[in-house]
C-alpha atoms as a PDB file:
ATOM      1  CA  MET A   1      96.114  34.490-161.579  1.00  0.00           C
ATOM      2  CA  PRO A   2      96.800  38.418-160.291  1.00  0.00           C
ATOM      3  CA  THR A   3      99.593  40.429-159.024  1.00  0.00           C
ATOM      4  CA  PRO A   4      99.512  39.931-155.524  1.00  0.00           C
ATOM      5  CA  VAL A   5      99.299  43.376-153.593  1.00  0.00           C
ATOM      6  CA  ASN A   6      99.760  44.722-149.430  1.00  0.00           C
ATOM      7  CA  VAL A   7      98.000  47.431-148.755  1.00  0.00           C
ATOM      8  CA  ALA A   8      98.647  49.017-145.381  1.00  0.00           C
ATOM      9  CA  VAL A   9      95.595  52.113-144.531  1.00  0.00           C
ATOM     10  CA  VAL A  10      97.152  54.265-142.278  1.00  0.00           C
ATOM     11  CA  TYR A  11      95.248  56.545-140.009  1.00  0.00           C
ATOM     12  CA  TYR A  12      94.860  58.199-136.846  1.00  0.00           C
ATOM     13  CA  SER A  13      91.464  59.629-135.490  1.00  0.00           C
ATOM     14  CA  SER A  14      90.315  61.608-132.458  1.00  0.00           C
ATOM     15  CA  THR A  15      86.790  61.360-132.270  1.00  0.00           C
ATOM     16  CA  GLY A  16      86.167  58.634-135.139  1.00  0.00           C
ATOM     17  CA  THR A  17      84.867  59.799-139.002  1.00  0.00           C
ATOM     18  CA  VAL A  18      88.238  59.593-140.495  1.00  0.00           C
ATOM     19  CA  ALA A  19      88.602  56.069-138.517  1.00  0.00           C
ATOM     20  CA  THR A  20      85.007  55.693-139.967  1.00  0.00           C
ATOM     21  CA  ILE A  21      86.860  55.774-143.450  1.00  0.00           C
ATOM     22  CA  ALA A  22      89.710  53.997-142.942  1.00  0.00           C
ATOM     23  CA  LYS A  23      87.769  51.009-141.926  1.00  0.00           C
ATOM     24  CA  ALA A  24      85.364  51.227-145.140  1.00  0.00           C
ATOM     25  CA  MET A  25      89.389  52.077-147.386  1.00  0.00           C
ATOM     26  CA  ALA A  26      91.084  48.693-145.350  1.00  0.00           C
ATOM     27  CA  GLU A  27      87.034  46.612-146.289  1.00  0.00           C
ATOM     28  CA  ASP A  28      87.363  48.411-149.776  1.00  0.00           C
ATOM     29  CA  ALA A  29      91.013  46.954-150.900  1.00  0.00           C
ATOM     30  CA  GLU A  30      90.402  43.966-149.290  1.00  0.00           C
ATOM     31  CA  ARG A  31      87.038  43.425-152.028  1.00  0.00           C
ATOM     32  CA  ALA A  32      89.233  44.458-154.571  1.00  0.00           C
ATOM     33  CA  GLY A  33      91.831  41.250-153.804  1.00  0.00           C
ATOM     34  CA  ALA A  34      94.469  43.006-151.835  1.00  0.00           C
ATOM     35  CA  GLN A  35      95.939  41.532-148.546  1.00  0.00           C
ATOM     36  CA  VAL A  36      95.413  44.808-146.057  1.00  0.00           C
ATOM     37  CA  ARG A  37      96.475  46.122-142.711  1.00  0.00           C
ATOM     38  CA  LEU A  38      95.362  48.796-140.856  1.00  0.00           C
ATOM     39  CA  ARG A  39      97.012  49.937-138.353  1.00  0.00           C
ATOM     40  CA  ARG A  40      96.027  53.385-136.575  1.00  0.00           C
ATOM     41  CA  ALA A  41      98.941  55.971-135.679  1.00  0.00           C
ATOM     42  CA  ALA A  42     100.099  56.087-131.490  1.00  0.00           C
ATOM     43  CA  GLU A  43      97.621  58.820-129.931  1.00  0.00           C
ATOM     44  CA  LEU A  44      99.597  61.361-128.250  1.00  0.00           C
ATOM     45  CA  ALA A  45      97.811  64.033-126.059  1.00  0.00           C
ATOM     46  CA  PRO A  46      96.893  63.278-122.496  1.00  0.00           C
ATOM     47  CA  GLN A  47      94.226  61.124-121.799  1.00  0.00           C
ATOM     48  CA  ALA A  48      92.741  63.941-119.614  1.00  0.00           C
ATOM     49  CA  ALA A  49      92.261  65.596-122.675  1.00  0.00           C
ATOM     50  CA  ILE A  50      90.925  62.408-124.667  1.00  0.00           C
ATOM     51  CA  ASP A  51      88.330  62.266-121.211  1.00  0.00           C
ATOM     52  CA  SER A  52      87.401  65.965-121.082  1.00  0.00           C
ATOM     53  CA  ASN A  53      85.436  64.517-124.751  1.00  0.00           C
ATOM     54  CA  PRO A  54      82.743  62.289-125.218  1.00  0.00           C
ATOM     55  CA  ALA A  55      83.474  61.414-128.517  1.00  0.00           C
ATOM     56  CA  TRP A  56      87.042  61.029-128.735  1.00  0.00           C
ATOM     57  CA  ALA A  57      87.051  58.617-125.390  1.00  0.00           C
ATOM     58  CA  GLU A  58      84.416  56.219-127.735  1.00  0.00           C
ATOM     59  CA  ASN A  59      86.628  56.477-130.660  1.00  0.00           C
ATOM     60  CA  ALA A  60      89.949  55.318-128.090  1.00  0.00           C
ATOM     61  CA  ARG A  61      88.142  52.789-126.873  1.00  0.00           C
ATOM     62  CA  ALA A  62      86.414  51.053-130.086  1.00  0.00           C
ATOM     63  CA  THR A  63      89.868  51.710-131.429  1.00  0.00           C
ATOM     64  CA  ALA A  64      91.693  49.931-129.129  1.00  0.00           C
ATOM     65  CA  ASP A  65      91.608  46.453-130.739  1.00  0.00           C
ATOM     66  CA  ILE A  66      93.558  48.589-133.949  1.00  0.00           C
ATOM     67  CA  PRO A  67      97.286  48.147-134.154  1.00  0.00           C
ATOM     68  CA  GLU A  68      99.129  51.272-133.725  1.00  0.00           C
ATOM     69  CA  VAL A  69     101.523  51.421-136.989  1.00  0.00           C
ATOM     70  CA  SER A  70     105.090  50.790-136.945  1.00  0.00           C
ATOM     71  CA  PRO A  71     107.824  50.420-139.320  1.00  0.00           C
ATOM     72  CA  ASP A  72     107.469  46.759-140.437  1.00  0.00           C
ATOM     73  CA  ASP A  73     104.021  48.031-142.346  1.00  0.00           C
ATOM     74  CA  MET A  74     105.635  50.354-144.309  1.00  0.00           C
ATOM     75  CA  ALA A  75     108.234  47.809-145.328  1.00  0.00           C
ATOM     76  CA  TRP A  76     105.174  44.947-146.391  1.00  0.00           C
ATOM     77  CA  ALA A  77     103.346  47.086-147.602  1.00  0.00           C
ATOM     78  CA  ASP A  78     103.102  47.424-151.363  1.00  0.00           C
ATOM     79  CA  ALA A  79     100.579  50.539-151.377  1.00  0.00           C
ATOM     80  CA  VAL A  80     100.004  52.392-148.637  1.00  0.00           C
ATOM     81  CA  ILE A  81      96.608  54.867-147.884  1.00  0.00           C
ATOM     82  CA  PHE A  82      97.400  57.561-144.920  1.00  0.00           C
ATOM     83  CA  GLY A  83      94.290  59.145-143.287  1.00  0.00           C
ATOM     84  CA  SER A  84      94.394  62.277-141.432  1.00  0.00           C
ATOM     85  CA  PRO A  85      91.655  64.688-139.583  1.00  0.00           C
ATOM     86  CA  THR A  86      92.516  68.489-140.895  1.00  0.00           C
ATOM     87  CA  ARG A  87      94.869  70.530-138.206  1.00  0.00           C
ATOM     88  CA  TYR A  88      95.030  73.856-139.861  1.00  0.00           C
ATOM     89  CA  GLY A  89      94.967  72.738-142.996  1.00  0.00           C
ATOM     90  CA  ASN A  90      97.613  70.610-142.318  1.00  0.00           C
ATOM     91  CA  VAL A  91      98.077  66.428-141.310  1.00  0.00           C
ATOM     92  CA  THR A  92      97.629  65.974-137.321  1.00  0.00           C
ATOM     93  CA  ALA A  93     101.101  65.541-134.958  1.00  0.00           C
ATOM     94  CA  GLN A  94      99.993  61.918-133.888  1.00  0.00           C
ATOM     95  CA  LEU A  95     100.333  60.803-137.569  1.00  0.00           C
ATOM     96  CA  LYS A  96     102.918  63.303-138.854  1.00  0.00           C
ATOM     97  CA  GLN A  97     104.937  62.307-135.567  1.00  0.00           C
ATOM     98  CA  PHE A  98     104.574  58.401-137.572  1.00  0.00           C
ATOM     99  CA  ILE A  99     106.507  59.131-140.962  1.00  0.00           C
ATOM    100  CA  ASP A 100     108.810  61.290-138.582  1.00  0.00           C
ATOM    101  CA  THR A 101     110.272  58.304-137.694  1.00  0.00           C
ATOM    102  CA  LEU A 102     110.788  56.621-141.110  1.00  0.00           C
ATOM    103  CA  GLY A 103     114.069  58.142-141.430  1.00  0.00           C
ATOM    104  CA  GLY A 104     115.605  54.762-141.826  1.00  0.00           C
ATOM    105  CA  MET A 105     114.148  53.666-144.486  1.00  0.00           C
ATOM    106  CA  TRP A 106     113.357  56.594-146.405  1.00  0.00           C
ATOM    107  CA  GLN A 107     117.797  56.639-146.252  1.00  0.00           C
ATOM    108  CA  ALA A 108     117.393  52.759-147.600  1.00  0.00           C
ATOM    109  CA  GLY A 109     115.232  53.610-150.560  1.00  0.00           C
ATOM    110  CA  GLN A 110     112.729  51.816-148.584  1.00  0.00           C
ATOM    111  CA  LEU A 111     109.705  53.778-149.405  1.00  0.00           C
ATOM    112  CA  ALA A 112     110.206  54.271-152.699  1.00  0.00           C
ATOM    113  CA  ASP A 113     108.510  53.113-155.649  1.00  0.00           C
ATOM    114  CA  LYS A 114     105.409  52.688-153.305  1.00  0.00           C
ATOM    115  CA  VAL A 115     102.257  53.346-153.840  1.00  0.00           C
ATOM    116  CA  TYR A 116     100.128  56.428-151.837  1.00  0.00           C
ATOM    117  CA  SER A 117      97.626  57.678-151.642  1.00  0.00           C
ATOM    118  CA  GLY A 118      95.642  60.096-148.408  1.00  0.00           C
ATOM    119  CA  PHE A 119      91.771  60.047-147.047  1.00  0.00           C
ATOM    120  CA  THR A 120      91.072  62.775-144.796  1.00  0.00           C
ATOM    121  CA  SER A 121      88.335  64.841-142.944  1.00  0.00           C
ATOM    122  CA  SER A 122      86.773  68.395-141.219  1.00  0.00           C
ATOM    123  CA  ALA A 123      84.376  70.446-139.455  1.00  0.00           C
ATOM    124  CA  THR A 124      83.914  72.564-141.886  1.00  0.00           C
ATOM    125  CA  ALA A 125      83.263  72.719-145.795  1.00  0.00           C
ATOM    126  CA  HIS A 126      86.630  74.186-146.960  1.00  0.00           C
ATOM    127  CA  GLY A 127      88.647  73.731-144.199  1.00  0.00           C
ATOM    128  CA  GLY A 128      91.418  72.684-145.169  1.00  0.00           C
ATOM    129  CA  GLN A 129      91.317  69.443-146.739  1.00  0.00           C
ATOM    130  CA  GLU A 130      92.379  69.407-149.990  1.00  0.00           C
ATOM    131  CA  SER A 131      95.376  71.519-148.726  1.00  0.00           C
ATOM    132  CA  THR A 132      95.695  68.623-145.505  1.00  0.00           C
ATOM    133  CA  LEU A 133      96.828  66.310-148.998  1.00  0.00           C
ATOM    134  CA  LEU A 134      98.707  68.606-149.745  1.00  0.00           C
ATOM    135  CA  ALA A 135     100.687  68.473-147.077  1.00  0.00           C
ATOM    136  CA  LEU A 136     100.798  64.866-146.963  1.00  0.00           C
ATOM    137  CA  TYR A 137     101.385  64.173-150.557  1.00  0.00           C
ATOM    138  CA  ASN A 138     104.798  66.905-150.506  1.00  0.00           C
ATOM    139  CA  THR A 139     106.386  63.806-147.832  1.00  0.00           C
ATOM    140  CA  ILE A 140     105.352  61.515-150.709  1.00  0.00           C
ATOM    141  CA  HIS A 141     107.718  63.058-153.261  1.00  0.00           C
ATOM    142  CA  HIS A 142     110.601  62.877-150.017  1.00  0.00           C
ATOM    143  CA  PHE A 143     109.948  59.473-150.479  1.00  0.00           C
ATOM    144  CA  GLY A 144     110.675  58.833-154.299  1.00  0.00           C
ATOM    145  CA  GLY A 145     106.638  57.009-154.028  1.00  0.00           C
ATOM    146  CA  ILE A 146     103.722  56.952-156.641  1.00  0.00           C
ATOM    147  CA  LEU A 147     100.491  59.360-155.580  1.00  0.00           C
ATOM    148  CA  VAL A 148      97.645  57.162-157.424  1.00  0.00           C
ATOM    149  CA  THR A 149      94.912  59.738-156.169  1.00  0.00           C
ATOM    150  CA  PRO A 150      91.012  59.022-157.327  1.00  0.00           C
ATOM    151  CA  GLY A 151      91.062  63.094-160.005  1.00  0.00           C
ATOM    152  CA  TYR A 152      87.584  63.130-161.553  1.00  0.00           C
ATOM    153  CA  THR A 153      88.097  59.493-162.749  1.00  0.00           C
ATOM    154  CA  ASP A 154      85.160  58.013-161.247  1.00  0.00           C
ATOM    155  CA  PRO A 155      81.745  59.627-161.369  1.00  0.00           C
ATOM    156  CA  THR A 156      81.374  59.926-157.872  1.00  0.00           C
ATOM    157  CA  LYS A 157      83.533  62.269-158.415  1.00  0.00           C
ATOM    158  CA  PHE A 158      82.419  65.315-159.740  1.00  0.00           C
ATOM    159  CA  VAL A 159      80.127  64.639-156.434  1.00  0.00           C
ATOM    160  CA  ASP A 160      82.405  64.139-154.312  1.00  0.00           C
ATOM    161  CA  GLY A 161      84.641  67.066-155.004  1.00  0.00           C
ATOM    162  CA  ASN A 162      87.803  66.394-153.753  1.00  0.00           C
ATOM    163  CA  PRO A 163      90.569  65.046-156.727  1.00  0.00           C
ATOM    164  CA  TYR A 164      93.470  64.833-154.255  1.00  0.00           C
ATOM    165  CA  GLY A 165      91.407  62.004-152.030  1.00  0.00           C
ATOM    166  CA  THR A 166      88.305  60.571-150.503  1.00  0.00           C
ATOM    167  CA  SER A 167      86.807  64.218-148.143  1.00  0.00           C
ATOM    168  CA  HIS A 168      84.114  64.076-145.000  1.00  0.00           C
ATOM    169  CA  VAL A 169      82.479  67.195-143.387  1.00  0.00           C
ATOM    170  CA  ALA A 170      82.067  66.055-140.008  1.00  0.00           C
ATOM    171  CA  GLY A 171      80.633  69.381-138.377  1.00  0.00           C
ATOM    172  CA  GLN A 172      81.451  69.042-134.529  1.00  0.00           C
ATOM    173  CA  GLY A 173      80.674  65.523-135.140  1.00  0.00           C
ATOM    174  CA  ASP A 174      77.070  64.853-135.972  1.00  0.00           C
ATOM    175  CA  ILE A 175      77.661  64.552-139.553  1.00  0.00           C
ATOM    176  CA  PRO A 176      77.802  61.180-140.450  1.00  0.00           C
ATOM    177  CA  VAL A 177      79.658  59.820-143.213  1.00  0.00           C
ATOM    178  CA  GLY A 178      77.355  58.583-145.419  1.00  0.00           C
ATOM    179  CA  GLU A 179      76.860  57.040-149.169  1.00  0.00           C
ATOM    180  CA  GLN A 180      78.801  60.158-150.961  1.00  0.00           C
ATOM    181  CA  THR A 181      81.892  59.680-149.060  1.00  0.00           C
ATOM    182  CA  LEU A 182      81.540  55.530-148.618  1.00  0.00           C
ATOM    183  CA  THR A 183      80.923  55.758-152.894  1.00  0.00           C
ATOM    184  CA  ALA A 184      84.105  57.769-152.592  1.00  0.00           C
ATOM    185  CA  ALA A 185      85.969  55.975-150.208  1.00  0.00           C
ATOM    186  CA  ARG A 186      86.032  52.400-152.546  1.00  0.00           C
ATOM    187  CA  VAL A 187      86.744  53.993-155.717  1.00  0.00           C
ATOM    188  CA  GLN A 188      89.791  55.751-154.637  1.00  0.00           C
ATOM    189  CA  ALA A 189      90.678  52.160-152.527  1.00  0.00           C
ATOM    190  CA  GLU A 190      90.250  50.114-155.443  1.00  0.00           C
ATOM    191  CA  ARG A 191      92.284  52.864-158.475  1.00  0.00           C
ATOM    192  CA  VAL A 192      94.577  52.597-155.269  1.00  0.00           C
ATOM    193  CA  VAL A 193      95.075  48.469-155.488  1.00  0.00           C
ATOM    194  CA  LYS A 194      94.587  48.836-159.547  1.00  0.00           C
ATOM    195  CA  PHE A 195      97.305  50.795-160.498  1.00  0.00           C
ATOM    196  CA  THR A 196      99.890  49.144-157.361  1.00  0.00           C
ATOM    197  CA  ARG A 197      99.014  45.710-158.967  1.00  0.00           C
ATOM    198  CA  ALA A 198      99.654  46.992-162.664  1.00  0.00           C
ATOM    199  CA  ILE A 199     103.576  48.884-160.919  1.00  0.00           C
ATOM    200  CA  LYS A 200     104.648  45.783-159.349  1.00  0.00           C
ATOM    201  CA  ALA A 201     103.428  43.198-162.468  1.00  0.00           C
ATOM    202  CA  GLY A 202     105.763  45.345-164.383  1.00  0.00           C
ATOM    203  CA  LEU A 203     108.585  46.373-162.345  1.00  0.00           C
ATOM    204  CA  ALA A 204     108.809  42.423-161.838  1.00  0.00           C
ATOM    205  CA  ALA A 205     109.058  41.870-165.095  1.00  0.00           C
ATOM    206  CA  GLU A 206     111.290  44.213-165.698  1.00  0.00           C
ATOM    207  CA  ASN A 207     113.445  42.658-163.446  1.00  0.00           C
END
């Protein structure tokens, strides 16, 4: 019987692009045999700012039933897939704020030896996608985590073109998540589940 694995997909999304990828990633991980928690980072922006952007307000309503992430989700997970739009080539304040609350868990070693991966979206091509993921992965090194990225391990990744993680160019919200991005998400989620299972089984055998 395959080793059971728990995967948390933790994301922040303002206008819905990253939320769409996160849901796809969660479904793909579940199909690959993982137990999955889909969690969103808490919103920090004022309500007036959200209401001023119809797409932002609609996404807030559409995802209100998705639980906000908590440290318990990190403790439960064998693997965590983080998703964030780019903000000047970096992760959003909302996702970073959650990560910054994990100091106690980090100090206790509770974030180490888990698998981590990431995905992102930007308005423009070359709009900071790779630097956002690399910035996110700096944190994983501090956690003592194990990075599992898609690389170019599947022919479709040469089409997608980002070995660091799934990424999407959303334009001004007028370029929907399509087959190319969804395929990249599937490849990444399956790879995360595969290696999480192998690592967890190997560590169990050692102990």
